[in-house]
Every structure is written in structure tokens, then in C-alpha cells.
Amino acid sequence: MKDIVVLEEVTKKYGEKVAVDRISVNFEEGRITGFLGLNGAGKTTTMKIITTYFKPTSGKVFVDSFDAVENPYKVRKVIGYLPENFPIYDNLTVLDFLRFVAMAKDVVDVEKEVDKVIDLVGIKNYKNRFLKELSKGYKQRVGIAQAIIGEPKVIILDEPTQGLDPAQIIEIRKLIKELSHDKTIILSTHIMQEVEAICDNVVIIHRGSIKLKGKISDLKKEMQGYLTVEYFIDNMNEENKRVIVDVLKEFGLTPDFGINTFEFSIKKDDEYKMKEINKKLIDSGVGVMYVNRSSVSMEDLFLKVIKEENNN
């Protein structure tokens, strides 16, 4: 599979602040890639570098083989972009707004292109409405429509479901999935469930650095070999915390503490060790009330990556 967007050792600084730190990542043609991270992780900065809104401080960016710094206009021709805070003209109708966007993109047959995208995103019955009259969900549809005008090869969507109600989220996710049949989509989000629902690949960014990347299917297979184990105890004091850390350290495990809980991930092949762990904890005076075992989810994986980084 061809890589249509390639970042090589990309860094972006604002004065002394490093927003993106030497990231190298590729986005595959014809795939939906979830670009995942907490708010402030560097997602939007990276998106703006790819779309040529920002120049990187250092590093290289290629989109459809074009250098994004040397050929920004050629890159913009192959990218459709829906920013997080999508700017619209409230006093224009949907039809007039999309006509304006099509003309700005130098589309040859404006009317034909606008009619096509209106049908694709399901806003035919709203085309004569003023943008200020639309719900948040339909404004997002208009935002996606303007992004796909001109047949871009790459569509970048920055938090496209933010602020939507559950029904609208389902509709927008379905629309994104339908658009992916002949497009490369980069979906920036901080919601792992969204990535799991519609993406083929995932890239996790934290504090400006790439922490994990891979195919969703491969990660799910890997996670099938692990369990999340959660202990509930009757008194989480400092002495008990020390004992728990020491006991788990013997087995190469690290606890993640809650108020009166702690949890860790363990390979299913090592589940037999639980009997010895339980005995050591109880013999050391830790009051174990009960233990819960569950399969590792994508959400667990995301949180694990973030917590590991925060502890470093």
C-alpha cells in the first residue's frame, strides 16, 4: 500500500515551546487513519503542517510526492480540510457557500461539483437554507462537503464529531466511512472509541511525539493475549501502596492506583501467577476485597500509552 502523506523528523516550535518533536509517520493511501491524542498533544499543529497552514521548524513533509514547503499550492490541490473550528458565513445559503468554495478551488464545472457533494453528504433538502439556521450536525456536513469539493485525494478532519449529540455522531461517522471508499482520510480525535469504530489504522501522539502506530486489526489481535486485572481493597494507605508496588515488581508488573483500587495488565499466559500474587498481598496485610478480570480494550491501550509516558 502506497504512503500518500509522509512526515520525516518534523518539528514545530513556537519560540521555546516545542509543539511537535521530530515526528516521523506515514499515512497510507485509501485508508482511514485515526490521529489520536489528548487535547494539546500536537494533533492540530501536525494537521496544519500537512495542509501547509504552518511551515515546520525542521523536517520534511510530502503529500502525494509533493514537498509541502516547496510546493504548497500543489499540496493544497490534493487536500481537503475540515478544521476543528470550521469557519462559515452565516448569512450565506448552503448552496452559495459551496459555490464560493468551488470557485476558490478553481473547479471547472462549479454547479456540477456542488450538486455532487451536496448529494454525497446528504444535505440536498437543506441547500437553500442559511448556514445560521442549520444544526451543529448539518453544519458539520457542510464542512465535510467543502472539504471534498474538487476531488481531493486526502481528506483531513480535525475533531469532526466534537459537540455533536449521539445521533449526529453516528451519522457523521457513517458519512466518513462512505467517503473512504476512494479517499485517504486522516481523522484527528481524542476519542479512542471513534478510532475503533471507523478507522483502519491508528497513530497516537502525546506531548508532541508519536508513541504508537499500527493497524487496528493487528493491535486488537495483540490485545487478545492480555487481561486487565483490577483489585479492590479496603484501605489504600501509603503502606499498602508500598506493599502492592513491591509485590507486583517481583512479577514485572506496575500498578495503576485509584482511590481504593489498583489495576495492571497481564498476559493471559501468565494468569497462573495471580494465585501467588494474591497470596503475597494477603500475607502482607493488604485487605483484598475482590478482583475483577476483563479483556483489554482499545481505550485501555490508549490510556496505558499515555500513563506510561507521563510516568517517564
C-alpha atoms as a PDB file:
ATOM      1  CA  MET A   1       0.000   0.000   0.000  1.00  0.00           C
ATOM      2  CA  LYS A   2       1.377   3.412  -1.047  1.00  0.00           C
ATOM      3  CA  ASP A   3       2.083   6.080   1.583  1.00  0.00           C
ATOM      4  CA  ILE A   4       0.420   9.266   0.347  1.00  0.00           C
ATOM      5  CA  VAL A   5       1.370  11.503   3.308  1.00  0.00           C
ATOM      6  CA  VAL A   6       4.879  11.196   4.733  1.00  0.00           C
ATOM      7  CA  LEU A   7       6.395  13.127   7.645  1.00  0.00           C
ATOM      8  CA  GLU A   8      10.132  12.843   8.280  1.00  0.00           C
ATOM      9  CA  GLU A   9      11.594  14.131  11.571  1.00  0.00           C
ATOM     10  CA  VAL A  10       9.114  17.014  11.677  1.00  0.00           C
ATOM     11  CA  THR A  11       9.492  19.569  14.481  1.00  0.00           C
ATOM     12  CA  LYS A  12       7.420  22.677  15.126  1.00  0.00           C
ATOM     13  CA  LYS A  13       8.414  25.275  17.719  1.00  0.00           C
ATOM     14  CA  TYR A  14       6.651  28.383  18.930  1.00  0.00           C
ATOM     15  CA  GLY A  15       9.522  30.333  20.422  1.00  0.00           C
ATOM     16  CA  GLU A  16      10.978  27.981  23.040  1.00  0.00           C
ATOM     17  CA  LYS A  17       7.858  25.805  23.186  1.00  0.00           C
ATOM     18  CA  VAL A  18       8.081  22.555  21.209  1.00  0.00           C
ATOM     19  CA  ALA A  19       4.615  21.645  19.918  1.00  0.00           C
ATOM     20  CA  VAL A  20       5.735  18.780  17.663  1.00  0.00           C
ATOM     21  CA  ASP A  21       9.006  16.993  18.337  1.00  0.00           C
ATOM     22  CA  ARG A  22      10.784  15.125  15.498  1.00  0.00           C
ATOM     23  CA  ILE A  23       7.807  13.033  14.437  1.00  0.00           C
ATOM     24  CA  SER A  24       8.099  10.543  11.588  1.00  0.00           C
ATOM     25  CA  VAL A  25       4.875   8.922  10.424  1.00  0.00           C
ATOM     26  CA  ASN A  26       3.274   7.754   7.168  1.00  0.00           C
ATOM     27  CA  PHE A  27      -0.405   7.738   6.202  1.00  0.00           C
ATOM     28  CA  GLU A  28      -1.499   5.006   3.784  1.00  0.00           C
ATOM     29  CA  GLU A  29      -3.446   5.690   0.614  1.00  0.00           C
ATOM     30  CA  GLY A  30      -7.075   4.518   0.707  1.00  0.00           C
ATOM     31  CA  ARG A  31      -7.193   4.111   4.493  1.00  0.00           C
ATOM     32  CA  ILE A  32      -8.828   5.935   7.374  1.00  0.00           C
ATOM     33  CA  THR A  33      -6.162   6.689   9.961  1.00  0.00           C
ATOM     34  CA  GLY A  34      -7.135   7.835  13.424  1.00  0.00           C
ATOM     35  CA  PHE A  35      -4.707  10.504  14.641  1.00  0.00           C
ATOM     36  CA  LEU A  36      -5.273  10.190  18.342  1.00  0.00           C
ATOM     37  CA  GLY A  37      -4.138  12.237  21.305  1.00  0.00           C
ATOM     38  CA  LEU A  38      -5.270  14.260  24.284  1.00  0.00           C
ATOM     39  CA  ASN A  39      -6.117  17.928  23.834  1.00  0.00           C
ATOM     40  CA  GLY A  40      -2.826  19.788  23.391  1.00  0.00           C
ATOM     41  CA  ALA A  41      -0.926  16.678  22.254  1.00  0.00           C
ATOM     42  CA  GLY A  42       0.104  18.219  18.916  1.00  0.00           C
ATOM     43  CA  LYS A  43      -2.630  16.884  16.626  1.00  0.00           C
ATOM     44  CA  THR A  44      -3.904  20.186  15.251  1.00  0.00           C
ATOM     45  CA  THR A  45      -0.386  21.565  14.773  1.00  0.00           C
ATOM     46  CA  THR A  46       0.528  18.456  12.765  1.00  0.00           C
ATOM     47  CA  MET A  47      -2.631  18.774  10.660  1.00  0.00           C
ATOM     48  CA  LYS A  48      -1.827  22.411   9.892  1.00  0.00           C
ATOM     49  CA  ILE A  49       1.703  21.459   8.863  1.00  0.00           C
ATOM     50  CA  ILE A  50       0.389  18.794   6.477  1.00  0.00           C
ATOM     51  CA  THR A  51      -2.120  21.252   4.990  1.00  0.00           C
ATOM     52  CA  THR A  52       0.624  23.927   4.616  1.00  0.00           C
ATOM     53  CA  TYR A  53      -1.034  26.381   7.018  1.00  0.00           C
ATOM     54  CA  PHE A  54       2.183  26.154   9.060  1.00  0.00           C
ATOM     55  CA  LYS A  55       5.741  25.540   7.944  1.00  0.00           C
ATOM     56  CA  PRO A  56       7.658  23.047  10.070  1.00  0.00           C
ATOM     57  CA  THR A  57      10.602  24.405  12.021  1.00  0.00           C
ATOM     58  CA  SER A  58      12.564  21.437  10.687  1.00  0.00           C
ATOM     59  CA  GLY A  59      11.910  18.144   8.916  1.00  0.00           C
ATOM     60  CA  LYS A  60      10.199  17.168   5.677  1.00  0.00           C
ATOM     61  CA  VAL A  61       6.541  16.711   4.696  1.00  0.00           C
ATOM     62  CA  PHE A  62       5.438  15.061   1.447  1.00  0.00           C
ATOM     63  CA  VAL A  63       1.850  14.838   0.207  1.00  0.00           C
ATOM     64  CA  ASP A  64       1.239  12.812  -2.959  1.00  0.00           C
ATOM     65  CA  SER A  65       5.036  13.066  -3.518  1.00  0.00           C
ATOM     66  CA  PHE A  66       4.971  16.896  -3.382  1.00  0.00           C
ATOM     67  CA  ASP A  67       7.183  18.670  -0.832  1.00  0.00           C
ATOM     68  CA  ALA A  68       4.740  20.657   1.327  1.00  0.00           C
ATOM     69  CA  VAL A  69       7.209  23.523   1.901  1.00  0.00           C
ATOM     70  CA  GLU A  70       8.476  23.819  -1.674  1.00  0.00           C
ATOM     71  CA  ASN A  71       5.120  23.174  -3.398  1.00  0.00           C
ATOM     72  CA  PRO A  72       2.354  24.337  -1.013  1.00  0.00           C
ATOM     73  CA  TYR A  73      -0.157  25.131  -3.775  1.00  0.00           C
ATOM     74  CA  LYS A  74       0.218  21.699  -5.365  1.00  0.00           C
ATOM     75  CA  VAL A  75      -0.296  20.114  -1.926  1.00  0.00           C
ATOM     76  CA  ARG A  76      -3.433  22.171  -1.313  1.00  0.00           C
ATOM     77  CA  LYS A  77      -4.854  20.916  -4.611  1.00  0.00           C
ATOM     78  CA  VAL A  78      -4.821  17.327  -3.336  1.00  0.00           C
ATOM     79  CA  ILE A  79      -6.028  18.007   0.240  1.00  0.00           C
ATOM     80  CA  GLY A  80      -9.482  18.700   1.608  1.00  0.00           C
ATOM     81  CA  TYR A  81      -9.501  20.101   5.142  1.00  0.00           C
ATOM     82  CA  LEU A  82     -12.140  20.443   7.844  1.00  0.00           C
ATOM     83  CA  PRO A  83     -10.577  22.434  10.706  1.00  0.00           C
ATOM     84  CA  GLU A  84     -11.683  21.908  14.297  1.00  0.00           C
ATOM     85  CA  ASN A  85     -13.419  25.316  14.410  1.00  0.00           C
ATOM     86  CA  PHE A  86     -14.913  25.344  10.938  1.00  0.00           C
ATOM     87  CA  PRO A  87     -15.338  28.954   9.688  1.00  0.00           C
ATOM     88  CA  ILE A  88     -18.634  29.577   7.907  1.00  0.00           C
ATOM     89  CA  TYR A  89     -20.518  32.590   6.583  1.00  0.00           C
ATOM     90  CA  ASP A  90     -23.811  32.583   8.459  1.00  0.00           C
ATOM     91  CA  ASN A  91     -25.604  34.855   6.019  1.00  0.00           C
ATOM     92  CA  LEU A  92     -24.933  32.635   3.006  1.00  0.00           C
ATOM     93  CA  THR A  93     -27.098  29.729   1.979  1.00  0.00           C
ATOM     94  CA  VAL A  94     -25.540  26.270   1.834  1.00  0.00           C
ATOM     95  CA  LEU A  95     -25.627  26.411  -1.965  1.00  0.00           C
ATOM     96  CA  ASP A  96     -23.987  29.831  -2.199  1.00  0.00           C
ATOM     97  CA  PHE A  97     -21.315  28.920   0.316  1.00  0.00           C
ATOM     98  CA  LEU A  98     -20.349  25.738  -1.532  1.00  0.00           C
ATOM     99  CA  ARG A  99     -20.353  27.604  -4.847  1.00  0.00           C
ATOM    100  CA  PHE A 100     -17.951  30.118  -3.304  1.00  0.00           C
ATOM    101  CA  VAL A 101     -15.653  27.314  -2.104  1.00  0.00           C
ATOM    102  CA  ALA A 102     -15.755  25.604  -5.521  1.00  0.00           C
ATOM    103  CA  MET A 103     -14.785  28.851  -7.275  1.00  0.00           C
ATOM    104  CA  ALA A 104     -11.990  29.451  -4.756  1.00  0.00           C
ATOM    105  CA  LYS A 105     -10.662  25.976  -5.584  1.00  0.00           C
ATOM    106  CA  ASP A 106     -10.794  26.712  -9.348  1.00  0.00           C
ATOM    107  CA  VAL A 107     -13.282  23.929 -10.028  1.00  0.00           C
ATOM    108  CA  VAL A 108     -14.101  23.834 -13.759  1.00  0.00           C
ATOM    109  CA  ASP A 109     -17.821  22.990 -13.530  1.00  0.00           C
ATOM    110  CA  VAL A 110     -18.955  24.624 -10.293  1.00  0.00           C
ATOM    111  CA  GLU A 111     -22.642  23.672 -10.472  1.00  0.00           C
ATOM    112  CA  LYS A 112     -21.951  20.035 -11.278  1.00  0.00           C
ATOM    113  CA  GLU A 113     -19.372  19.709  -8.475  1.00  0.00           C
ATOM    114  CA  VAL A 114     -21.574  21.418  -5.884  1.00  0.00           C
ATOM    115  CA  ASP A 115     -24.578  19.255  -6.767  1.00  0.00           C
ATOM    116  CA  LYS A 116     -22.407  16.150  -6.454  1.00  0.00           C
ATOM    117  CA  VAL A 117     -21.049  16.933  -2.978  1.00  0.00           C
ATOM    118  CA  ILE A 118     -24.487  18.010  -1.737  1.00  0.00           C
ATOM    119  CA  ASP A 119     -25.797  14.579  -2.687  1.00  0.00           C
ATOM    120  CA  LEU A 120     -22.779  12.801  -1.185  1.00  0.00           C
ATOM    121  CA  VAL A 121     -23.129  14.366   2.262  1.00  0.00           C
ATOM    122  CA  GLY A 122     -26.939  14.237   2.353  1.00  0.00           C
ATOM    123  CA  ILE A 123     -27.845  17.931   2.517  1.00  0.00           C
ATOM    124  CA  LYS A 124     -29.984  18.243  -0.637  1.00  0.00           C
ATOM    125  CA  ASN A 125     -33.058  19.261   1.357  1.00  0.00           C
ATOM    126  CA  TYR A 126     -31.059  21.987   3.125  1.00  0.00           C
ATOM    127  CA  LYS A 127     -29.198  23.576   0.209  1.00  0.00           C
ATOM    128  CA  ASN A 128     -31.336  26.743   0.216  1.00  0.00           C
ATOM    129  CA  ARG A 129     -31.149  27.201   3.994  1.00  0.00           C
ATOM    130  CA  PHE A 130     -28.946  29.878   5.518  1.00  0.00           C
ATOM    131  CA  LEU A 131     -25.980  28.407   7.359  1.00  0.00           C
ATOM    132  CA  LYS A 132     -27.040  30.141  10.576  1.00  0.00           C
ATOM    133  CA  GLU A 133     -30.274  28.115  10.503  1.00  0.00           C
ATOM    134  CA  LEU A 134     -28.552  24.713  10.493  1.00  0.00           C
ATOM    135  CA  SER A 135     -27.998  22.434  13.469  1.00  0.00           C
ATOM    136  CA  LYS A 136     -24.437  21.661  14.548  1.00  0.00           C
ATOM    137  CA  GLY A 137     -24.660  18.262  12.821  1.00  0.00           C
ATOM    138  CA  TYR A 138     -25.685  19.737   9.476  1.00  0.00           C
ATOM    139  CA  LYS A 139     -23.058  22.459   9.732  1.00  0.00           C
ATOM    140  CA  GLN A 140     -20.515  19.649  10.076  1.00  0.00           C
ATOM    141  CA  ARG A 141     -21.944  18.039   6.942  1.00  0.00           C
ATOM    142  CA  VAL A 142     -21.461  21.321   5.115  1.00  0.00           C
ATOM    143  CA  GLY A 143     -17.918  21.421   6.472  1.00  0.00           C
ATOM    144  CA  ILE A 144     -17.225  17.963   5.080  1.00  0.00           C
ATOM    145  CA  ALA A 145     -18.853  18.974   1.779  1.00  0.00           C
ATOM    146  CA  GLN A 146     -16.488  21.939   1.358  1.00  0.00           C
ATOM    147  CA  ALA A 147     -13.539  19.668   2.212  1.00  0.00           C
ATOM    148  CA  ILE A 148     -14.327  17.184  -0.570  1.00  0.00           C
ATOM    149  CA  ILE A 149     -15.021  19.748  -3.294  1.00  0.00           C
ATOM    150  CA  GLY A 150     -12.518  19.349  -6.123  1.00  0.00           C
ATOM    151  CA  GLU A 151     -11.902  15.611  -5.683  1.00  0.00           C
ATOM    152  CA  PRO A 152      -9.015  15.814  -3.190  1.00  0.00           C
ATOM    153  CA  LYS A 153      -7.005  12.628  -2.700  1.00  0.00           C
ATOM    154  CA  VAL A 154      -6.538  13.308   1.024  1.00  0.00           C
ATOM    155  CA  ILE A 155      -9.218  14.493   3.444  1.00  0.00           C
ATOM    156  CA  ILE A 156      -8.170  15.783   6.858  1.00  0.00           C
ATOM    157  CA  LEU A 157     -10.882  16.047   9.509  1.00  0.00           C
ATOM    158  CA  ASP A 158      -9.990  17.699  12.814  1.00  0.00           C
ATOM    159  CA  GLU A 159     -12.386  16.617  15.608  1.00  0.00           C
ATOM    160  CA  PRO A 160     -15.364  16.284  13.188  1.00  0.00           C
ATOM    161  CA  THR A 161     -17.814  14.984  15.822  1.00  0.00           C
ATOM    162  CA  GLN A 162     -16.938  17.382  18.637  1.00  0.00           C
ATOM    163  CA  GLY A 163     -20.051  18.913  20.204  1.00  0.00           C
ATOM    164  CA  LEU A 164     -22.479  16.633  18.377  1.00  0.00           C
ATOM    165  CA  ASP A 165     -25.217  14.601  20.039  1.00  0.00           C
ATOM    166  CA  PRO A 166     -25.063  10.759  19.880  1.00  0.00           C
ATOM    167  CA  ALA A 167     -27.368  10.508  16.856  1.00  0.00           C
ATOM    168  CA  GLN A 168     -25.370  13.116  14.933  1.00  0.00           C
ATOM    169  CA  ILE A 169     -22.098  11.371  15.827  1.00  0.00           C
ATOM    170  CA  ILE A 170     -23.381   8.112  14.318  1.00  0.00           C
ATOM    171  CA  GLU A 171     -24.462   9.932  11.139  1.00  0.00           C
ATOM    172  CA  ILE A 172     -21.116  11.717  10.679  1.00  0.00           C
ATOM    173  CA  ARG A 173     -19.150   8.519  11.328  1.00  0.00           C
ATOM    174  CA  LYS A 174     -21.243   6.716   8.708  1.00  0.00           C
ATOM    175  CA  LEU A 175     -20.617   9.533   6.243  1.00  0.00           C
ATOM    176  CA  ILE A 176     -16.850   9.432   6.834  1.00  0.00           C
ATOM    177  CA  LYS A 177     -16.840   5.675   6.285  1.00  0.00           C
ATOM    178  CA  GLU A 178     -18.709   6.085   2.987  1.00  0.00           C
ATOM    179  CA  LEU A 179     -16.272   8.748   1.781  1.00  0.00           C
ATOM    180  CA  SER A 180     -13.303   6.473   2.467  1.00  0.00           C
ATOM    181  CA  HIS A 181     -14.049   4.178  -0.485  1.00  0.00           C
ATOM    182  CA  ASP A 182     -11.864   6.294  -2.794  1.00  0.00           C
ATOM    183  CA  LYS A 183     -10.196   8.759  -0.414  1.00  0.00           C
ATOM    184  CA  THR A 184      -7.408   8.778   2.157  1.00  0.00           C
ATOM    185  CA  ILE A 185      -8.802  10.150   5.402  1.00  0.00           C
ATOM    186  CA  ILE A 186      -6.849  11.409   8.412  1.00  0.00           C
ATOM    187  CA  LEU A 187      -9.200  11.718  11.362  1.00  0.00           C
ATOM    188  CA  SER A 188      -7.877  13.761  14.259  1.00  0.00           C
ATOM    189  CA  THR A 189      -9.599  12.979  17.563  1.00  0.00           C
ATOM    190  CA  HIS A 190      -9.064  12.387  21.280  1.00  0.00           C
ATOM    191  CA  ILE A 191     -11.715   9.654  21.440  1.00  0.00           C
ATOM    192  CA  MET A 192     -10.444   6.081  21.085  1.00  0.00           C
ATOM    193  CA  GLN A 193     -13.968   4.708  20.547  1.00  0.00           C
ATOM    194  CA  GLU A 194     -14.221   6.876  17.433  1.00  0.00           C
ATOM    195  CA  VAL A 195     -10.974   5.466  16.050  1.00  0.00           C
ATOM    196  CA  GLU A 196     -12.068   1.918  16.822  1.00  0.00           C
ATOM    197  CA  ALA A 197     -15.463   2.476  15.165  1.00  0.00           C
ATOM    198  CA  ILE A 198     -14.316   3.697  11.745  1.00  0.00           C
ATOM    199  CA  CYS A 199     -10.527   3.645  11.322  1.00  0.00           C
ATOM    200  CA  ASP A 200      -8.188   1.130   9.673  1.00  0.00           C
ATOM    201  CA  ASN A 201      -5.008   2.455  11.286  1.00  0.00           C
ATOM    202  CA  VAL A 202      -4.155   4.469  14.387  1.00  0.00           C
ATOM    203  CA  VAL A 203      -1.369   6.884  15.291  1.00  0.00           C
ATOM    204  CA  ILE A 204      -1.123   8.035  18.924  1.00  0.00           C
ATOM    205  CA  ILE A 205       0.620  11.322  19.669  1.00  0.00           C
ATOM    206  CA  HIS A 206       1.413  12.596  23.163  1.00  0.00           C
ATOM    207  CA  ARG A 207       3.353  15.699  24.188  1.00  0.00           C
ATOM    208  CA  GLY A 208       4.308  16.282  20.570  1.00  0.00           C
ATOM    209  CA  SER A 209       5.805  12.815  19.958  1.00  0.00           C
ATOM    210  CA  ILE A 210       4.470   9.689  18.248  1.00  0.00           C
ATOM    211  CA  LYS A 211       4.006   6.965  20.887  1.00  0.00           C
ATOM    212  CA  LEU A 212       2.274   4.198  18.934  1.00  0.00           C
ATOM    213  CA  LYS A 213       1.210   3.472  15.365  1.00  0.00           C
ATOM    214  CA  GLY A 214      -0.208   0.445  13.606  1.00  0.00           C
ATOM    215  CA  LYS A 215      -3.205  -1.305  12.109  1.00  0.00           C
ATOM    216  CA  ILE A 216      -6.282  -1.524  14.339  1.00  0.00           C
ATOM    217  CA  SER A 217      -6.679  -5.213  13.448  1.00  0.00           C
ATOM    218  CA  ASP A 218      -3.086  -6.011  14.473  1.00  0.00           C
ATOM    219  CA  LEU A 219      -3.424  -4.142  17.766  1.00  0.00           C
ATOM    220  CA  LYS A 220      -6.678  -5.952  18.567  1.00  0.00           C
ATOM    221  CA  LYS A 221      -5.031  -9.320  17.938  1.00  0.00           C
ATOM    222  CA  GLU A 222      -2.170  -8.366  20.233  1.00  0.00           C
ATOM    223  CA  MET A 223      -4.576  -7.205  22.953  1.00  0.00           C
ATOM    224  CA  GLN A 224      -6.426 -10.520  22.854  1.00  0.00           C
ATOM    225  CA  GLY A 225      -3.435 -12.003  24.645  1.00  0.00           C
ATOM    226  CA  TYR A 226      -3.798  -9.687  27.658  1.00  0.00           C
ATOM    227  CA  LEU A 227      -6.126  -9.156  30.611  1.00  0.00           C
ATOM    228  CA  THR A 228      -6.775  -6.081  32.706  1.00  0.00           C
ATOM    229  CA  VAL A 229      -6.875  -7.052  36.380  1.00  0.00           C
ATOM    230  CA  GLU A 230      -8.467  -4.669  38.889  1.00  0.00           C
ATOM    231  CA  TYR A 231      -8.146  -5.120  42.669  1.00  0.00           C
ATOM    232  CA  PHE A 232     -10.496  -3.533  45.195  1.00  0.00           C
ATOM    233  CA  ILE A 233      -9.050  -3.219  48.682  1.00  0.00           C
ATOM    234  CA  ASP A 234     -10.471  -1.939  51.966  1.00  0.00           C
ATOM    235  CA  ASN A 235      -7.785   0.644  52.819  1.00  0.00           C
ATOM    236  CA  MET A 236      -5.494   2.292  50.260  1.00  0.00           C
ATOM    237  CA  ASN A 237      -2.961   3.852  52.632  1.00  0.00           C
ATOM    238  CA  GLU A 238       0.672   4.609  51.830  1.00  0.00           C
ATOM    239  CA  GLU A 239       1.929   1.392  53.453  1.00  0.00           C
ATOM    240  CA  ASN A 240      -0.426  -0.735  51.369  1.00  0.00           C
ATOM    241  CA  LYS A 241       0.629   1.137  48.228  1.00  0.00           C
ATOM    242  CA  ARG A 242       4.278   0.391  49.001  1.00  0.00           C
ATOM    243  CA  VAL A 243       3.499  -3.315  49.530  1.00  0.00           C
ATOM    244  CA  ILE A 244       1.482  -3.519  46.303  1.00  0.00           C
ATOM    245  CA  VAL A 245       4.291  -1.903  44.293  1.00  0.00           C
ATOM    246  CA  ASP A 246       6.890  -4.253  45.807  1.00  0.00           C
ATOM    247  CA  VAL A 247       4.800  -7.405  45.255  1.00  0.00           C
ATOM    248  CA  LEU A 248       3.968  -6.603  41.635  1.00  0.00           C
ATOM    249  CA  LYS A 249       7.557  -5.612  40.927  1.00  0.00           C
ATOM    250  CA  GLU A 250       8.559  -9.226  41.643  1.00  0.00           C
ATOM    251  CA  PHE A 251       6.419 -10.251  38.668  1.00  0.00           C
ATOM    252  CA  GLY A 252       7.496  -7.427  36.369  1.00  0.00           C
ATOM    253  CA  LEU A 253       4.175  -5.596  36.771  1.00  0.00           C
ATOM    254  CA  THR A 254       3.368  -1.970  37.579  1.00  0.00           C
ATOM    255  CA  PRO A 255       0.104  -0.939  39.304  1.00  0.00           C
ATOM    256  CA  ASP A 256      -2.073   1.982  38.314  1.00  0.00           C
ATOM    257  CA  PHE A 257      -3.732   3.277  41.505  1.00  0.00           C
ATOM    258  CA  GLY A 258      -7.260   4.561  42.022  1.00  0.00           C
ATOM    259  CA  ILE A 259      -8.934   5.646  45.282  1.00  0.00           C
ATOM    260  CA  ASN A 260      -9.340   2.171  46.754  1.00  0.00           C
ATOM    261  CA  THR A 261      -8.277   0.236  43.660  1.00  0.00           C
ATOM    262  CA  PHE A 262      -5.273  -0.635  41.583  1.00  0.00           C
ATOM    263  CA  GLU A 263      -5.002  -2.359  38.233  1.00  0.00           C
ATOM    264  CA  PHE A 264      -2.464  -3.750  35.803  1.00  0.00           C
ATOM    265  CA  SER A 265      -2.326  -5.655  32.529  1.00  0.00           C
ATOM    266  CA  ILE A 266      -1.031  -9.205  32.399  1.00  0.00           C
ATOM    267  CA  LYS A 267      -0.566 -11.750  29.629  1.00  0.00           C
ATOM    268  CA  LYS A 268      -3.210 -14.458  29.617  1.00  0.00           C
ATOM    269  CA  ASP A 269      -0.370 -16.998  29.529  1.00  0.00           C
ATOM    270  CA  ASP A 270       0.835 -15.574  32.872  1.00  0.00           C
ATOM    271  CA  GLU A 271      -2.581 -15.672  34.541  1.00  0.00           C
ATOM    272  CA  TYR A 272      -1.396 -18.557  36.717  1.00  0.00           C
ATOM    273  CA  LYS A 273       0.766 -16.039  38.584  1.00  0.00           C
ATOM    274  CA  MET A 274      -2.385 -14.441  40.016  1.00  0.00           C
ATOM    275  CA  LYS A 275      -2.652 -17.099  42.741  1.00  0.00           C
ATOM    276  CA  GLU A 276       0.821 -16.259  44.040  1.00  0.00           C
ATOM    277  CA  ILE A 277       0.222 -12.504  43.745  1.00  0.00           C
ATOM    278  CA  ASN A 278      -2.984 -12.805  45.764  1.00  0.00           C
ATOM    279  CA  LYS A 279      -1.248 -14.852  48.475  1.00  0.00           C
ATOM    280  CA  LYS A 280       1.647 -12.397  48.799  1.00  0.00           C
ATOM    281  CA  LEU A 281      -0.713  -9.417  49.038  1.00  0.00           C
ATOM    282  CA  ILE A 282      -2.927 -11.036  51.682  1.00  0.00           C
ATOM    283  CA  ASP A 283       0.054 -12.350  53.684  1.00  0.00           C
ATOM    284  CA  SER A 284       1.472  -8.793  53.663  1.00  0.00           C
ATOM    285  CA  GLY A 285      -1.719  -7.436  55.225  1.00  0.00           C
ATOM    286  CA  VAL A 286      -3.347  -5.890  52.152  1.00  0.00           C
ATOM    287  CA  GLY A 287      -7.102  -6.342  52.541  1.00  0.00           C
ATOM    288  CA  VAL A 288      -8.201  -7.628  49.151  1.00  0.00           C
ATOM    289  CA  MET A 289     -11.994  -7.360  48.886  1.00  0.00           C
ATOM    290  CA  TYR A 290     -12.413  -8.722  45.354  1.00  0.00           C
ATOM    291  CA  VAL A 291     -10.680  -8.923  41.987  1.00  0.00           C
ATOM    292  CA  ASN A 292     -12.115  -8.186  38.563  1.00  0.00           C
ATOM    293  CA  ARG A 293     -10.651  -9.533  35.303  1.00  0.00           C
ATOM    294  CA  SER A 294     -11.569  -8.121  31.883  1.00  0.00           C
ATOM    295  CA  SER A 295     -10.305  -8.126  28.317  1.00  0.00           C
ATOM    296  CA  VAL A 296      -8.037  -5.252  27.311  1.00  0.00           C
ATOM    297  CA  SER A 297      -9.886  -2.654  25.195  1.00  0.00           C
ATOM    298  CA  MET A 298      -8.554  -0.080  22.753  1.00  0.00           C
ATOM    299  CA  GLU A 299      -9.372   2.533  25.373  1.00  0.00           C
ATOM    300  CA  ASP A 300      -7.179   0.639  27.856  1.00  0.00           C
ATOM    301  CA  LEU A 301      -4.369   0.642  25.296  1.00  0.00           C
ATOM    302  CA  PHE A 302      -4.635   4.399  24.748  1.00  0.00           C
ATOM    303  CA  LEU A 303      -4.644   5.148  28.473  1.00  0.00           C
ATOM    304  CA  LYS A 304      -1.720   2.759  29.030  1.00  0.00           C
ATOM    305  CA  VAL A 305       0.389   4.535  26.411  1.00  0.00           C
ATOM    306  CA  ILE A 306      -0.411   7.950  27.917  1.00  0.00           C
ATOM    307  CA  LYS A 307       0.193   6.855  31.522  1.00  0.00           C
ATOM    308  CA  GLU A 308       3.493   5.177  30.672  1.00  0.00           C
ATOM    309  CA  GLU A 309       4.697   8.367  29.038  1.00  0.00           C
ATOM    310  CA  ASN A 310       3.540  10.515  31.966  1.00  0.00           C
ATOM    311  CA  ASN A 311       5.466   8.281  34.366  1.00  0.00           C
ATOM    312  CA  ASN A 312       8.712   8.621  32.401  1.00  0.00           C
END
